[in-house]
Amino acid sequence: MIEKISKAAVLDFHLALRFSVASEYAQFYLYAKQRQKGYDGMGELATIKEEFRDVFDKVIEYCKEKEYISEVMAYDIDLIADEVKRL
């Protein structure tokens, strides 16, 4: 799914902007997740994760409207963050 979105973003400026923001959120989330120790910061990490999910949901919604991707089933936001990081 991430590969399809990133390929479509090359040709769609609005998608590229949305995907860029989602990439920044993914990086911030992964950094916060790495730095989190035990229960310290769990609330902040959960908030960052939800913010990332909200931003990524908007990317998916836009892609579905433009028919870049078909219906999306449930996804693991942690795996999405890892995939975005690899790009």
Protein backbone atom coordinates (compact mmCIF):
# COMPACT_ATOMS: atom_id res chain seq x y z
CA MET A 1 0.00 0.00 0.00
CA ILE A 2 2.77 2.47 0.90
CA GLU A 3 4.54 1.75 -2.37
CA LYS A 4 1.38 2.53 -4.37
CA ILE A 5 0.85 5.75 -2.44
CA SER A 6 4.45 6.91 -2.87
CA LYS A 7 4.32 6.21 -6.62
CA ALA A 8 1.08 8.15 -6.96
CA ALA A 9 2.56 11.02 -4.94
CA VAL A 10 5.17 11.57 -7.64
CA LEU A 11 2.42 12.69 -10.02
CA ASP A 12 0.02 14.32 -7.54
CA PHE A 13 1.25 17.43 -5.73
CA HIS A 14 -1.56 17.40 -3.15
CA LEU A 15 -0.91 13.77 -2.31
CA ALA A 16 2.82 14.47 -2.11
CA LEU A 17 2.17 17.15 0.51
CA ARG A 18 -0.10 14.89 2.54
CA PHE A 19 2.34 12.00 2.31
CA SER A 20 5.22 14.26 3.32
CA VAL A 21 3.36 15.30 6.47
CA ALA A 22 2.51 11.66 7.22
CA SER A 23 6.19 10.76 6.78
CA GLU A 24 7.20 13.40 9.31
CA TYR A 25 4.63 12.10 11.78
CA ALA A 26 5.89 8.55 11.21
CA GLN A 27 9.47 9.57 11.94
CA PHE A 28 8.44 11.49 15.05
CA TYR A 29 6.32 8.56 16.26
CA LEU A 30 9.12 6.04 15.70
CA TYR A 31 11.59 8.28 17.51
CA ALA A 32 9.22 8.75 20.46
CA LYS A 33 8.55 5.00 20.55
CA GLN A 34 12.28 4.28 20.62
CA ARG A 35 12.89 6.79 23.42
CA GLN A 36 9.96 5.66 25.58
CA LYS A 37 11.01 3.61 28.59
CA GLY A 38 8.63 1.58 30.68
CA TYR A 39 5.47 3.44 31.59
CA ASP A 40 7.11 6.86 31.46
CA GLY A 41 5.68 8.81 28.57
CA MET A 42 3.04 6.22 27.62
CA GLY A 43 0.34 8.91 27.41
CA GLU A 44 2.44 11.10 25.15
CA LEU A 45 3.35 8.14 22.95
CA ALA A 46 -0.31 7.16 22.63
CA THR A 47 -1.18 10.73 21.64
CA ILE A 48 1.57 10.85 19.02
CA LYS A 49 0.45 7.48 17.66
CA GLU A 50 -3.15 8.70 17.32
CA GLU A 51 -2.02 11.90 15.62
CA PHE A 52 0.00 9.84 13.14
CA ARG A 53 -2.98 7.54 12.55
CA ASP A 54 -5.24 10.55 11.91
CA VAL A 55 -2.80 12.04 9.39
CA PHE A 56 -2.32 8.70 7.65
CA ASP A 57 -6.09 8.13 7.53
CA LYS A 58 -6.38 11.41 5.62
CA VAL A 59 -3.76 10.18 3.13
CA ILE A 60 -5.72 6.97 2.63
CA GLU A 61 -9.01 8.85 2.28
CA TYR A 62 -7.48 11.11 -0.39
CA CYS A 63 -6.03 8.10 -2.23
CA LYS A 64 -9.39 6.34 -2.23
CA GLU A 65 -11.13 9.48 -3.55
CA LYS A 66 -8.60 9.69 -6.38
CA GLU A 67 -8.78 5.91 -6.90
CA TYR A 68 -5.05 5.41 -6.35
CA ILE A 69 -5.92 2.56 -4.00
CA SER A 70 -9.03 0.47 -3.51
CA GLU A 71 -10.76 -0.24 -0.22
CA VAL A 72 -8.34 -0.54 2.66
CA MET A 73 -8.87 -3.06 5.40
CA ALA A 74 -7.58 -2.53 8.91
CA TYR A 75 -3.87 -1.84 9.08
CA ASP A 76 -1.18 -1.85 11.74
CA ILE A 77 0.04 1.72 12.21
CA ASP A 78 3.39 0.47 13.55
CA LEU A 79 4.03 -1.46 10.33
CA ILE A 80 2.97 1.57 8.29
CA ALA A 81 5.43 3.76 10.20
CA ASP A 82 8.23 1.27 9.51
CA GLU A 83 7.35 1.13 5.80
CA VAL A 84 7.25 4.91 5.50
CA LYS A 85 10.63 5.15 7.24
CA ARG A 86 12.20 2.80 4.66
CA LEU A 87 11.24 5.08 1.76
